[in-house]
Each structure stands twice: as C-alpha cells, then as structure tokens.
Amino acid sequence: MRSLQHHLGSRSSAGRVVLAACVLGGTAAVAAGDWPIDVHVWRIIPRESGSVDYYRVVEDPALPYIRADYKPGYDTAVLGIEVPSSSART
C-alpha cells in the first residue's frame, strides 16, 4: 500500500486542491476516477511529522471535516491515508 501523499507526490497542486475540495468541502462533484474519502481514515504520517497531532475530526451533522489547531512552534504534521496498490496509479 502507498500513502496518498506518495500517490499525489507527482501530481500537480491543482490535483491536490481538487482532492481537498472533495474531502473537506463536500460540495465538489465526484467525477469518474475520483475517490470519496471518509475524513475518519486520515492518520498522521510519523516519519513526516513532529510530535504534536494538531488535527481533529469535527463531527458536523451536515458533513464531518478535518480541523487544524496549529500553534506557533509546532512542527509540521502531515496527514495521509493508505491507498491499496490495486487502486494506485502509476
């Protein structure tokens, strides 16, 4: 399995924005080939992150979303998901 960060590493930033809109915005249409992703499956990638996980899921009844509560001095925290090898694009 690959992390989504690895999967999107070679993609344009526009592709990352579209993914973020689908995951966080909830109003973007899901096109063929897109993956709707449950906000609850995102995890900190330890090798890419500091010791503080400043992300949390907000259980909004309309649409749960990921919220960051960054404070100055925190190291970077990187979220990712596992992408099954069968779903990864090369």
C-alpha atoms as a PDB file:
ATOM      1  CA  MET A   1       0.000   0.000   0.000  1.00  0.00           C
ATOM      2  CA  ARG A   2       1.118   3.535  -0.659  1.00  0.00           C
ATOM      3  CA  SER A   3       0.279   6.679   1.228  1.00  0.00           C
ATOM      4  CA  LEU A   4      -1.913   9.209  -0.543  1.00  0.00           C
ATOM      5  CA  GLN A   5       0.890  11.730  -0.126  1.00  0.00           C
ATOM      6  CA  HIS A   6       3.207   9.420  -2.096  1.00  0.00           C
ATOM      7  CA  HIS A   7       0.492   8.798  -4.681  1.00  0.00           C
ATOM      8  CA  LEU A   8      -0.095  12.512  -5.228  1.00  0.00           C
ATOM      9  CA  GLY A   9       3.577  13.465  -4.986  1.00  0.00           C
ATOM     10  CA  SER A  10       3.998  13.619  -8.760  1.00  0.00           C
ATOM     11  CA  ARG A  11       0.642  15.269  -9.392  1.00  0.00           C
ATOM     12  CA  SER A  12       0.043  18.965  -9.796  1.00  0.00           C
ATOM     13  CA  SER A  13      -1.008  21.154  -6.898  1.00  0.00           C
ATOM     14  CA  ALA A  14      -4.331  21.634  -8.715  1.00  0.00           C
ATOM     15  CA  GLY A  15      -4.991  17.910  -8.275  1.00  0.00           C
ATOM     16  CA  ARG A  16      -4.317  18.212  -4.556  1.00  0.00           C
ATOM     17  CA  VAL A  17      -6.727  21.136  -4.307  1.00  0.00           C
ATOM     18  CA  VAL A  18      -9.457  19.141  -6.065  1.00  0.00           C
ATOM     19  CA  LEU A  19      -8.902  16.263  -3.651  1.00  0.00           C
ATOM     20  CA  ALA A  20      -9.041  18.650  -0.687  1.00  0.00           C
ATOM     21  CA  ALA A  21     -12.265  20.151  -2.024  1.00  0.00           C
ATOM     22  CA  CYS A  22     -13.839  16.704  -2.332  1.00  0.00           C
ATOM     23  CA  VAL A  23     -12.706  15.631   1.132  1.00  0.00           C
ATOM     24  CA  LEU A  24     -13.105  18.859   3.064  1.00  0.00           C
ATOM     25  CA  GLY A  25     -15.577  20.945   1.117  1.00  0.00           C
ATOM     26  CA  GLY A  26     -18.217  18.387   0.407  1.00  0.00           C
ATOM     27  CA  THR A  27     -19.714  20.406  -2.428  1.00  0.00           C
ATOM     28  CA  ALA A  28     -17.403  19.275  -5.207  1.00  0.00           C
ATOM     29  CA  ALA A  29     -18.904  16.653  -7.517  1.00  0.00           C
ATOM     30  CA  VAL A  30     -17.203  13.276  -7.533  1.00  0.00           C
ATOM     31  CA  ALA A  31     -16.055  12.561 -11.079  1.00  0.00           C
ATOM     32  CA  ALA A  32     -15.233   9.181 -12.559  1.00  0.00           C
ATOM     33  CA  GLY A  33     -11.910   8.008 -11.166  1.00  0.00           C
ATOM     34  CA  ASP A  34     -12.133  10.159  -8.015  1.00  0.00           C
ATOM     35  CA  TRP A  35     -12.132   8.536  -4.585  1.00  0.00           C
ATOM     36  CA  PRO A  36     -14.551   9.794  -1.959  1.00  0.00           C
ATOM     37  CA  ILE A  37     -12.583   9.501   1.291  1.00  0.00           C
ATOM     38  CA  ASP A  38     -14.027   9.333   4.795  1.00  0.00           C
ATOM     39  CA  VAL A  39     -12.405  12.006   6.995  1.00  0.00           C
ATOM     40  CA  HIS A  40     -12.019   9.420   9.761  1.00  0.00           C
ATOM     41  CA  VAL A  41      -9.389   7.372   7.871  1.00  0.00           C
ATOM     42  CA  TRP A  42      -6.745  10.139   7.722  1.00  0.00           C
ATOM     43  CA  ARG A  43      -3.749   9.497  10.009  1.00  0.00           C
ATOM     44  CA  ILE A  44      -0.535  11.303  10.910  1.00  0.00           C
ATOM     45  CA  ILE A  45       2.458  10.084   8.900  1.00  0.00           C
ATOM     46  CA  PRO A  46       5.049   9.743  11.696  1.00  0.00           C
ATOM     47  CA  ARG A  47       8.193   9.958   9.550  1.00  0.00           C
ATOM     48  CA  GLU A  48       6.925  13.251   8.050  1.00  0.00           C
ATOM     49  CA  SER A  49       5.502  14.839  11.214  1.00  0.00           C
ATOM     50  CA  GLY A  50       6.529  16.364  14.517  1.00  0.00           C
ATOM     51  CA  SER A  51       5.323  15.097  17.884  1.00  0.00           C
ATOM     52  CA  VAL A  52       2.072  17.111  18.005  1.00  0.00           C
ATOM     53  CA  ASP A  53      -1.026  15.989  16.107  1.00  0.00           C
ATOM     54  CA  TYR A  54      -2.962  19.244  15.840  1.00  0.00           C
ATOM     55  CA  TYR A  55      -5.666  17.850  13.548  1.00  0.00           C
ATOM     56  CA  ARG A  56      -9.064  16.572  14.671  1.00  0.00           C
ATOM     57  CA  VAL A  57     -12.289  15.497  13.027  1.00  0.00           C
ATOM     58  CA  VAL A  58     -15.220  17.811  13.646  1.00  0.00           C
ATOM     59  CA  GLU A  59     -18.436  15.781  13.670  1.00  0.00           C
ATOM     60  CA  ASP A  60     -20.603  18.350  11.891  1.00  0.00           C
ATOM     61  CA  PRO A  61     -24.054  16.809  11.263  1.00  0.00           C
ATOM     62  CA  ALA A  62     -24.096  18.158   7.708  1.00  0.00           C
ATOM     63  CA  LEU A  63     -20.594  16.998   6.819  1.00  0.00           C
ATOM     64  CA  PRO A  64     -17.728  15.927   9.113  1.00  0.00           C
ATOM     65  CA  TYR A  65     -14.457  17.712   8.351  1.00  0.00           C
ATOM     66  CA  ILE A  66     -10.823  17.882   9.444  1.00  0.00           C
ATOM     67  CA  ARG A  67      -9.826  20.918  11.521  1.00  0.00           C
ATOM     68  CA  ALA A  68      -6.279  22.025  12.318  1.00  0.00           C
ATOM     69  CA  ASP A  69      -5.461  23.788  15.594  1.00  0.00           C
ATOM     70  CA  TYR A  70      -1.888  24.819  14.819  1.00  0.00           C
ATOM     71  CA  LYS A  71       0.031  26.834  17.399  1.00  0.00           C
ATOM     72  CA  PRO A  72       3.289  28.698  16.636  1.00  0.00           C
ATOM     73  CA  GLY A  73       6.251  26.475  17.368  1.00  0.00           C
ATOM     74  CA  TYR A  74       4.603  23.190  16.393  1.00  0.00           C
ATOM     75  CA  ASP A  75       6.480  21.118  13.878  1.00  0.00           C
ATOM     76  CA  THR A  76       4.747  20.154  10.653  1.00  0.00           C
ATOM     77  CA  ALA A  77       2.065  17.476  10.917  1.00  0.00           C
ATOM     78  CA  VAL A  78       1.300  15.538   7.729  1.00  0.00           C
ATOM     79  CA  LEU A  79      -1.909  13.580   7.243  1.00  0.00           C
ATOM     80  CA  GLY A  80      -2.239  10.706   4.816  1.00  0.00           C
ATOM     81  CA  ILE A  81      -4.197   7.568   4.078  1.00  0.00           C
ATOM     82  CA  GLU A  82      -3.242   4.153   2.796  1.00  0.00           C
ATOM     83  CA  VAL A  83      -4.072   3.601  -0.862  1.00  0.00           C
ATOM     84  CA  PRO A  84      -4.399  -0.056  -1.884  1.00  0.00           C
ATOM     85  CA  SER A  85      -1.820  -0.997  -4.518  1.00  0.00           C
ATOM     86  CA  SER A  86      -4.644  -2.073  -6.800  1.00  0.00           C
ATOM     87  CA  SER A  87      -6.024   1.473  -6.732  1.00  0.00           C
ATOM     88  CA  ALA A  88      -2.715   3.334  -7.121  1.00  0.00           C
ATOM     89  CA  ARG A  89      -1.991   4.969 -10.443  1.00  0.00           C
ATOM     90  CA  THR A  90       1.498   4.711 -11.807  1.00  0.00           C
END
